Amino acid sequence: MKFSNASQGRLDTCDNRLQDLFEAVIAAGHDCTIIEGHRNREAQDEYFRTGKSKMKWPDGKHCKIPSMAVDVMPCPINWSDRKGLEAFALIVFATAAKLGIAVRWGGDWNQNGKSDDERFFDGPHWEIVEPVGTDKVGS
């Protein structure tokens, strides 16, 4: 299994660790679509204005080059399937652990293992976690 050209192009805008992670996820047979990697200023401003992001340009991890965040949906895409996103998150976390890649999921910002206590659930969002003192939370 591999990404479509469109998904691969979006993933190519991301940090190599995110590329390695999601290429391993799909290679293991877990079909998914890359919704967004790098986000330009116009898109970030729009997402902030409409409440889809809590971060202003250029603070969001999607705004970096390469992007330190990626939005990924398991297939088939169902935006209202929170349980499906939670199941996919377990797959991504297990794959990240095998690869030694530290990530944060937008469904569990506080990283306590629960997604039902989040004020802002962003199930497709994944970001690289940098060492303490260098990380900024947000999409």
N, C-alpha and C. Protein backbone atom coordinates (compact mmCIF):
# COMPACT_ATOMS: atom_id res chain seq x y z
N MET A 1 0.85 -1.17 0.00
CA MET A 1 0.00 0.00 0.00
C MET A 1 0.90 1.24 0.00
N LYS A 2 0.47 2.26 -0.74
CA LYS A 2 1.22 3.52 -0.74
C LYS A 2 0.26 4.69 -0.91
N PHE A 3 0.79 5.88 -0.69
CA PHE A 3 -0.02 7.09 -0.78
C PHE A 3 -0.32 7.46 -2.22
N SER A 4 -1.45 8.15 -2.41
CA SER A 4 -1.74 8.75 -3.71
C SER A 4 -0.71 9.84 -3.97
N ASN A 5 -0.62 10.28 -5.21
CA ASN A 5 0.32 11.36 -5.54
C ASN A 5 0.01 12.63 -4.74
N ALA A 6 -1.29 12.93 -4.57
CA ALA A 6 -1.68 14.13 -3.82
C ALA A 6 -1.24 14.02 -2.36
N SER A 7 -1.53 12.88 -1.73
CA SER A 7 -1.12 12.69 -0.34
C SER A 7 0.39 12.73 -0.20
N GLN A 8 1.10 12.07 -1.11
CA GLN A 8 2.56 12.05 -1.04
C GLN A 8 3.12 13.46 -1.18
N GLY A 9 2.53 14.26 -2.06
CA GLY A 9 2.98 15.64 -2.22
C GLY A 9 2.81 16.45 -0.95
N ARG A 10 1.70 16.25 -0.25
CA ARG A 10 1.47 16.95 1.01
C ARG A 10 2.44 16.46 2.09
N LEU A 11 2.65 15.14 2.14
CA LEU A 11 3.56 14.58 3.13
C LEU A 11 4.99 15.06 2.88
N ASP A 12 5.35 15.25 1.63
CA ASP A 12 6.70 15.71 1.28
C ASP A 12 7.01 17.10 1.82
N THR A 13 5.99 17.87 2.24
CA THR A 13 6.22 19.20 2.82
C THR A 13 6.55 19.12 4.31
N CYS A 14 6.54 17.91 4.85
CA CYS A 14 6.71 17.70 6.29
C CYS A 14 8.13 17.28 6.66
N ASP A 15 8.43 17.45 7.93
CA ASP A 15 9.67 16.98 8.53
C ASP A 15 9.87 15.50 8.19
N ASN A 16 11.12 15.11 7.99
CA ASN A 16 11.43 13.72 7.62
C ASN A 16 10.89 12.71 8.61
N ARG A 17 10.82 13.06 9.90
CA ARG A 17 10.30 12.13 10.89
C ARG A 17 8.82 11.84 10.66
N LEU A 18 8.06 12.86 10.28
CA LEU A 18 6.64 12.63 9.97
C LEU A 18 6.50 11.81 8.69
N GLN A 19 7.37 12.08 7.72
CA GLN A 19 7.35 11.28 6.50
C GLN A 19 7.63 9.82 6.81
N ASP A 20 8.67 9.57 7.59
CA ASP A 20 9.02 8.19 7.95
C ASP A 20 7.88 7.51 8.69
N LEU A 21 7.27 8.22 9.62
CA LEU A 21 6.20 7.66 10.43
C LEU A 21 5.01 7.24 9.58
N PHE A 22 4.51 8.15 8.76
CA PHE A 22 3.29 7.83 8.02
C PHE A 22 3.55 6.93 6.82
N GLU A 23 4.76 6.94 6.30
CA GLU A 23 5.11 5.94 5.27
C GLU A 23 5.14 4.55 5.89
N ALA A 24 5.58 4.44 7.15
CA ALA A 24 5.57 3.14 7.84
C ALA A 24 4.14 2.70 8.16
N VAL A 25 3.29 3.65 8.54
CA VAL A 25 1.89 3.33 8.84
C VAL A 25 1.21 2.76 7.61
N ILE A 26 1.36 3.43 6.47
CA ILE A 26 0.67 2.95 5.27
C ILE A 26 1.33 1.68 4.73
N ALA A 27 2.64 1.55 4.86
CA ALA A 27 3.33 0.34 4.40
C ALA A 27 2.87 -0.89 5.19
N ALA A 28 2.44 -0.67 6.44
CA ALA A 28 1.95 -1.77 7.28
C ALA A 28 0.49 -2.12 6.96
N GLY A 29 -0.09 -1.45 5.97
CA GLY A 29 -1.44 -1.79 5.54
C GLY A 29 -2.55 -0.96 6.14
N HIS A 30 -2.20 0.15 6.80
CA HIS A 30 -3.21 1.01 7.41
C HIS A 30 -3.46 2.20 6.47
N ASP A 31 -4.48 2.08 5.65
CA ASP A 31 -4.76 3.08 4.64
C ASP A 31 -5.15 4.41 5.28
N CYS A 32 -4.55 5.47 4.79
CA CYS A 32 -4.83 6.80 5.31
C CYS A 32 -4.54 7.83 4.22
N THR A 33 -5.06 9.03 4.42
CA THR A 33 -4.91 10.13 3.49
C THR A 33 -4.25 11.30 4.20
N ILE A 34 -3.27 11.91 3.55
CA ILE A 34 -2.64 13.11 4.09
C ILE A 34 -3.50 14.29 3.67
N ILE A 35 -4.11 14.93 4.64
CA ILE A 35 -5.00 16.06 4.37
C ILE A 35 -4.20 17.35 4.18
N GLU A 36 -3.18 17.54 5.04
CA GLU A 36 -2.40 18.78 4.96
C GLU A 36 -1.07 18.61 5.67
N GLY A 37 -0.05 19.18 5.07
CA GLY A 37 1.27 19.27 5.68
C GLY A 37 1.54 20.74 5.96
N HIS A 38 2.43 21.34 5.16
CA HIS A 38 2.72 22.76 5.33
C HIS A 38 1.47 23.59 5.04
N ARG A 39 1.30 24.65 5.83
CA ARG A 39 0.16 25.55 5.68
C ARG A 39 0.70 26.96 5.45
N ASN A 40 0.27 27.59 4.36
CA ASN A 40 0.73 28.95 4.07
C ASN A 40 0.01 29.97 4.96
N ARG A 41 0.47 31.20 4.90
CA ARG A 41 -0.07 32.24 5.77
C ARG A 41 -1.56 32.46 5.56
N GLU A 42 -1.98 32.50 4.31
CA GLU A 42 -3.40 32.72 4.01
C GLU A 42 -4.27 31.64 4.66
N ALA A 43 -3.87 30.39 4.51
CA ALA A 43 -4.64 29.28 5.09
C ALA A 43 -4.63 29.35 6.61
N GLN A 44 -3.45 29.61 7.21
CA GLN A 44 -3.37 29.68 8.67
C GLN A 44 -4.22 30.80 9.22
N ASP A 45 -4.19 31.97 8.57
CA ASP A 45 -5.01 33.09 9.00
C ASP A 45 -6.49 32.73 8.94
N GLU A 46 -6.90 32.04 7.88
CA GLU A 46 -8.30 31.63 7.73
C GLU A 46 -8.68 30.61 8.80
N TYR A 47 -7.82 29.64 9.06
CA TYR A 47 -8.11 28.63 10.08
C TYR A 47 -8.22 29.27 11.47
N PHE A 48 -7.37 30.24 11.75
CA PHE A 48 -7.44 30.92 13.04
C PHE A 48 -8.73 31.72 13.14
N ARG A 49 -9.05 32.45 12.07
CA ARG A 49 -10.25 33.29 12.05
C ARG A 49 -11.52 32.48 12.26
N THR A 50 -11.55 31.27 11.69
CA THR A 50 -12.76 30.43 11.77
C THR A 50 -12.74 29.45 12.94
N GLY A 51 -11.68 29.48 13.75
CA GLY A 51 -11.61 28.61 14.92
C GLY A 51 -11.11 27.20 14.65
N LYS A 52 -10.65 26.94 13.43
CA LYS A 52 -10.11 25.61 13.11
C LYS A 52 -8.69 25.44 13.65
N SER A 53 -8.06 26.53 14.02
CA SER A 53 -6.73 26.50 14.63
C SER A 53 -6.70 27.49 15.78
N LYS A 54 -5.93 27.18 16.79
CA LYS A 54 -5.75 28.08 17.93
C LYS A 54 -4.49 28.93 17.79
N MET A 55 -3.74 28.71 16.71
CA MET A 55 -2.46 29.38 16.52
C MET A 55 -2.53 30.41 15.40
N LYS A 56 -1.89 31.56 15.63
CA LYS A 56 -1.75 32.57 14.58
C LYS A 56 -0.48 32.29 13.79
N TRP A 57 -0.44 32.77 12.55
CA TRP A 57 0.77 32.72 11.73
C TRP A 57 1.85 33.54 12.43
N PRO A 58 3.07 33.13 12.50
CA PRO A 58 3.67 31.89 12.00
C PRO A 58 3.87 30.85 13.09
N ASP A 59 3.10 30.94 14.18
CA ASP A 59 3.35 30.11 15.35
C ASP A 59 2.95 28.65 15.22
N GLY A 60 2.00 28.33 14.35
CA GLY A 60 1.57 26.95 14.21
C GLY A 60 2.64 26.05 13.63
N LYS A 61 2.64 24.80 14.05
CA LYS A 61 3.65 23.85 13.55
C LYS A 61 3.47 23.54 12.07
N HIS A 62 2.26 23.73 11.54
CA HIS A 62 2.04 23.55 10.11
C HIS A 62 2.73 24.66 9.30
N CYS A 63 3.04 25.78 9.94
CA CYS A 63 3.59 26.95 9.25
C CYS A 63 5.09 26.86 9.00
N LYS A 64 5.75 25.93 9.66
CA LYS A 64 7.19 25.79 9.52
C LYS A 64 7.54 25.13 8.18
N ILE A 65 8.76 25.35 7.72
CA ILE A 65 9.27 24.66 6.53
C ILE A 65 10.54 23.93 6.96
N PRO A 66 10.55 22.61 6.97
CA PRO A 66 9.42 21.74 6.67
C PRO A 66 8.39 21.78 7.79
N SER A 67 7.17 21.39 7.46
CA SER A 67 6.09 21.38 8.45
C SER A 67 6.42 20.41 9.57
N MET A 68 6.18 20.85 10.78
CA MET A 68 6.39 19.99 11.96
C MET A 68 5.08 19.33 12.38
N ALA A 69 4.05 19.50 11.54
CA ALA A 69 2.74 18.89 11.81
C ALA A 69 2.14 18.40 10.51
N VAL A 70 1.25 17.43 10.65
CA VAL A 70 0.56 16.87 9.50
C VAL A 70 -0.84 16.48 9.94
N ASP A 71 -1.81 16.67 9.05
CA ASP A 71 -3.17 16.21 9.30
C ASP A 71 -3.42 14.98 8.45
N VAL A 72 -3.82 13.89 9.10
CA VAL A 72 -3.98 12.59 8.45
C VAL A 72 -5.31 11.98 8.86
N MET A 73 -6.03 11.45 7.88
CA MET A 73 -7.29 10.75 8.17
C MET A 73 -7.18 9.30 7.73
N PRO A 74 -7.65 8.38 8.58
CA PRO A 74 -7.73 6.98 8.16
C PRO A 74 -8.81 6.83 7.09
N CYS A 75 -8.64 5.86 6.22
CA CYS A 75 -9.62 5.60 5.17
C CYS A 75 -10.52 4.44 5.57
N PRO A 76 -11.78 4.50 5.16
CA PRO A 76 -12.41 5.60 4.45
C PRO A 76 -12.59 6.82 5.36
N ILE A 77 -12.51 7.99 4.78
CA ILE A 77 -12.61 9.23 5.56
C ILE A 77 -14.03 9.39 6.08
N ASN A 78 -14.12 9.59 7.39
CA ASN A 78 -15.39 9.86 8.05
C ASN A 78 -15.09 10.87 9.16
N TRP A 79 -15.37 12.13 8.91
CA TRP A 79 -15.00 13.21 9.83
C TRP A 79 -15.69 13.10 11.18
N SER A 80 -16.80 12.38 11.26
CA SER A 80 -17.52 12.28 12.53
C SER A 80 -17.20 11.00 13.30
N ASP A 81 -16.28 10.18 12.81
CA ASP A 81 -15.94 8.90 13.44
C ASP A 81 -14.80 9.07 14.44
N ARG A 82 -15.14 9.58 15.61
CA ARG A 82 -14.12 9.82 16.64
C ARG A 82 -13.48 8.52 17.10
N LYS A 83 -14.28 7.46 17.22
CA LYS A 83 -13.74 6.15 17.63
C LYS A 83 -12.72 5.65 16.60
N GLY A 84 -13.01 5.87 15.32
CA GLY A 84 -12.07 5.48 14.27
C GLY A 84 -10.76 6.25 14.37
N LEU A 85 -10.85 7.53 14.68
CA LEU A 85 -9.64 8.34 14.86
C LEU A 85 -8.85 7.88 16.09
N GLU A 86 -9.56 7.50 17.15
CA GLU A 86 -8.88 7.01 18.34
C GLU A 86 -8.18 5.68 18.06
N ALA A 87 -8.82 4.80 17.29
CA ALA A 87 -8.20 3.52 16.93
C ALA A 87 -6.97 3.75 16.05
N PHE A 88 -7.09 4.69 15.10
CA PHE A 88 -5.97 5.02 14.23
C PHE A 88 -4.82 5.61 15.05
N ALA A 89 -5.15 6.41 16.05
CA ALA A 89 -4.12 7.01 16.91
C ALA A 89 -3.29 5.92 17.60
N LEU A 90 -3.92 4.85 18.03
CA LEU A 90 -3.18 3.75 18.67
C LEU A 90 -2.17 3.15 17.70
N ILE A 91 -2.57 3.00 16.44
CA ILE A 91 -1.67 2.47 15.40
C ILE A 91 -0.49 3.42 15.19
N VAL A 92 -0.80 4.72 15.09
CA VAL A 92 0.26 5.71 14.85
C VAL A 92 1.22 5.76 16.04
N PHE A 93 0.69 5.77 17.25
CA PHE A 93 1.56 5.80 18.43
C PHE A 93 2.46 4.56 18.49
N ALA A 94 1.91 3.39 18.20
CA ALA A 94 2.71 2.16 18.22
C ALA A 94 3.82 2.21 17.17
N THR A 95 3.48 2.72 15.99
CA THR A 95 4.48 2.83 14.92
C THR A 95 5.55 3.85 15.29
N ALA A 96 5.13 4.98 15.85
CA ALA A 96 6.08 6.02 16.27
C ALA A 96 7.03 5.48 17.33
N ALA A 97 6.51 4.70 18.26
CA ALA A 97 7.36 4.12 19.32
C ALA A 97 8.41 3.19 18.72
N LYS A 98 8.00 2.38 17.75
CA LYS A 98 8.95 1.47 17.10
C LYS A 98 10.06 2.23 16.39
N LEU A 99 9.71 3.39 15.84
CA LEU A 99 10.68 4.20 15.09
C LEU A 99 11.44 5.18 15.98
N GLY A 100 11.05 5.31 17.23
CA GLY A 100 11.70 6.25 18.13
C GLY A 100 11.37 7.70 17.82
N ILE A 101 10.15 7.94 17.32
CA ILE A 101 9.72 9.29 16.95
C ILE A 101 8.70 9.76 17.98
N ALA A 102 8.96 10.90 18.62
CA ALA A 102 8.05 11.45 19.62
C ALA A 102 7.03 12.35 18.92
N VAL A 103 5.74 12.00 19.09
CA VAL A 103 4.68 12.78 18.47
C VAL A 103 3.59 13.10 19.49
N ARG A 104 2.85 14.15 19.19
CA ARG A 104 1.66 14.52 19.96
C ARG A 104 0.48 14.45 19.00
N TRP A 105 -0.62 13.92 19.51
CA TRP A 105 -1.85 13.80 18.73
C TRP A 105 -2.81 14.92 19.12
N GLY A 106 -3.46 15.51 18.13
CA GLY A 106 -4.44 16.57 18.38
C GLY A 106 -5.70 16.10 19.07
N GLY A 107 -5.83 14.81 19.28
CA GLY A 107 -6.95 14.29 20.06
C GLY A 107 -6.62 14.14 21.53
N ASP A 108 -5.35 14.39 21.89
CA ASP A 108 -4.90 14.26 23.28
C ASP A 108 -3.76 15.24 23.52
N TRP A 109 -4.08 16.53 23.47
CA TRP A 109 -3.07 17.58 23.59
C TRP A 109 -2.27 17.46 24.87
N ASN A 110 -2.94 17.13 25.98
CA ASN A 110 -2.25 17.07 27.27
C ASN A 110 -1.54 15.74 27.49
N GLN A 111 -1.65 14.85 26.53
CA GLN A 111 -0.93 13.57 26.52
C GLN A 111 -1.16 12.73 27.78
N ASN A 112 -2.42 12.70 28.22
CA ASN A 112 -2.76 11.89 29.39
C ASN A 112 -3.43 10.57 29.02
N GLY A 113 -3.48 10.27 27.71
CA GLY A 113 -4.06 9.02 27.26
C GLY A 113 -5.57 9.05 27.11
N LYS A 114 -6.18 10.23 27.27
CA LYS A 114 -7.63 10.36 27.13
C LYS A 114 -7.93 11.48 26.14
N SER A 115 -8.92 11.25 25.29
CA SER A 115 -9.30 12.30 24.35
C SER A 115 -10.59 13.00 24.75
N ASP A 116 -11.27 12.49 25.79
CA ASP A 116 -12.56 13.08 26.16
C ASP A 116 -12.43 14.28 27.10
N ASP A 117 -11.20 14.66 27.44
CA ASP A 117 -11.00 15.82 28.31
C ASP A 117 -10.39 17.01 27.57
N GLU A 118 -10.38 16.94 26.25
CA GLU A 118 -9.78 18.02 25.46
C GLU A 118 -10.83 19.07 25.10
N ARG A 119 -10.47 20.33 25.25
CA ARG A 119 -11.37 21.42 24.85
C ARG A 119 -11.37 21.61 23.34
N PHE A 120 -10.27 21.23 22.70
CA PHE A 120 -10.13 21.39 21.25
C PHE A 120 -9.66 20.06 20.68
N PHE A 121 -10.61 19.27 20.17
CA PHE A 121 -10.29 17.96 19.60
C PHE A 121 -9.95 18.14 18.13
N ASP A 122 -8.72 17.80 17.76
CA ASP A 122 -8.26 17.89 16.37
C ASP A 122 -7.71 16.52 15.98
N GLY A 123 -8.62 15.58 15.79
CA GLY A 123 -8.28 14.18 15.57
C GLY A 123 -7.32 13.87 14.44
N PRO A 124 -7.35 14.61 13.32
CA PRO A 124 -6.40 14.32 12.24
C PRO A 124 -4.98 14.82 12.50
N HIS A 125 -4.79 15.69 13.49
CA HIS A 125 -3.52 16.41 13.69
C HIS A 125 -2.47 15.57 14.42
N TRP A 126 -1.27 15.57 13.85
CA TRP A 126 -0.09 14.94 14.46
C TRP A 126 1.06 15.92 14.37
N GLU A 127 1.85 16.04 15.42
CA GLU A 127 2.99 16.94 15.40
C GLU A 127 4.18 16.32 16.11
N ILE A 128 5.34 16.73 15.68
CA ILE A 128 6.59 16.31 16.30
C ILE A 128 6.70 16.96 17.68
N VAL A 129 7.12 16.18 18.65
CA VAL A 129 7.37 16.71 20.00
C VAL A 129 8.88 16.89 20.12
N GLU A 130 9.26 18.13 20.36
CA GLU A 130 10.67 18.45 20.54
C GLU A 130 11.03 18.37 22.02
N PRO A 131 12.32 18.36 22.35
CA PRO A 131 12.72 18.33 23.76
C PRO A 131 12.09 19.48 24.55
N VAL A 132 11.87 19.26 25.84
CA VAL A 132 11.25 20.25 26.71
C VAL A 132 11.97 21.59 26.59
N GLY A 133 11.17 22.65 26.52
CA GLY A 133 11.74 23.98 26.42
C GLY A 133 11.81 24.50 25.00
N THR A 134 11.60 23.61 24.01
CA THR A 134 11.67 24.06 22.62
C THR A 134 10.35 23.84 21.89
N ASP A 135 9.34 23.29 22.58
CA ASP A 135 8.09 22.88 21.95
C ASP A 135 6.99 23.90 22.18
N LYS A 136 6.15 24.10 21.16
CA LYS A 136 4.99 24.96 21.25
C LYS A 136 3.79 24.16 20.77
N VAL A 137 2.79 23.99 21.59
CA VAL A 137 1.62 23.19 21.24
C VAL A 137 0.76 23.95 20.26
N GLY A 138 0.19 23.24 19.29
CA GLY A 138 -0.83 23.85 18.46
C GLY A 138 -0.77 23.53 17.01
N SER A 139 -1.92 23.71 16.38
CA SER A 139 -2.03 23.50 14.95
C SER A 139 -2.22 24.83 14.31
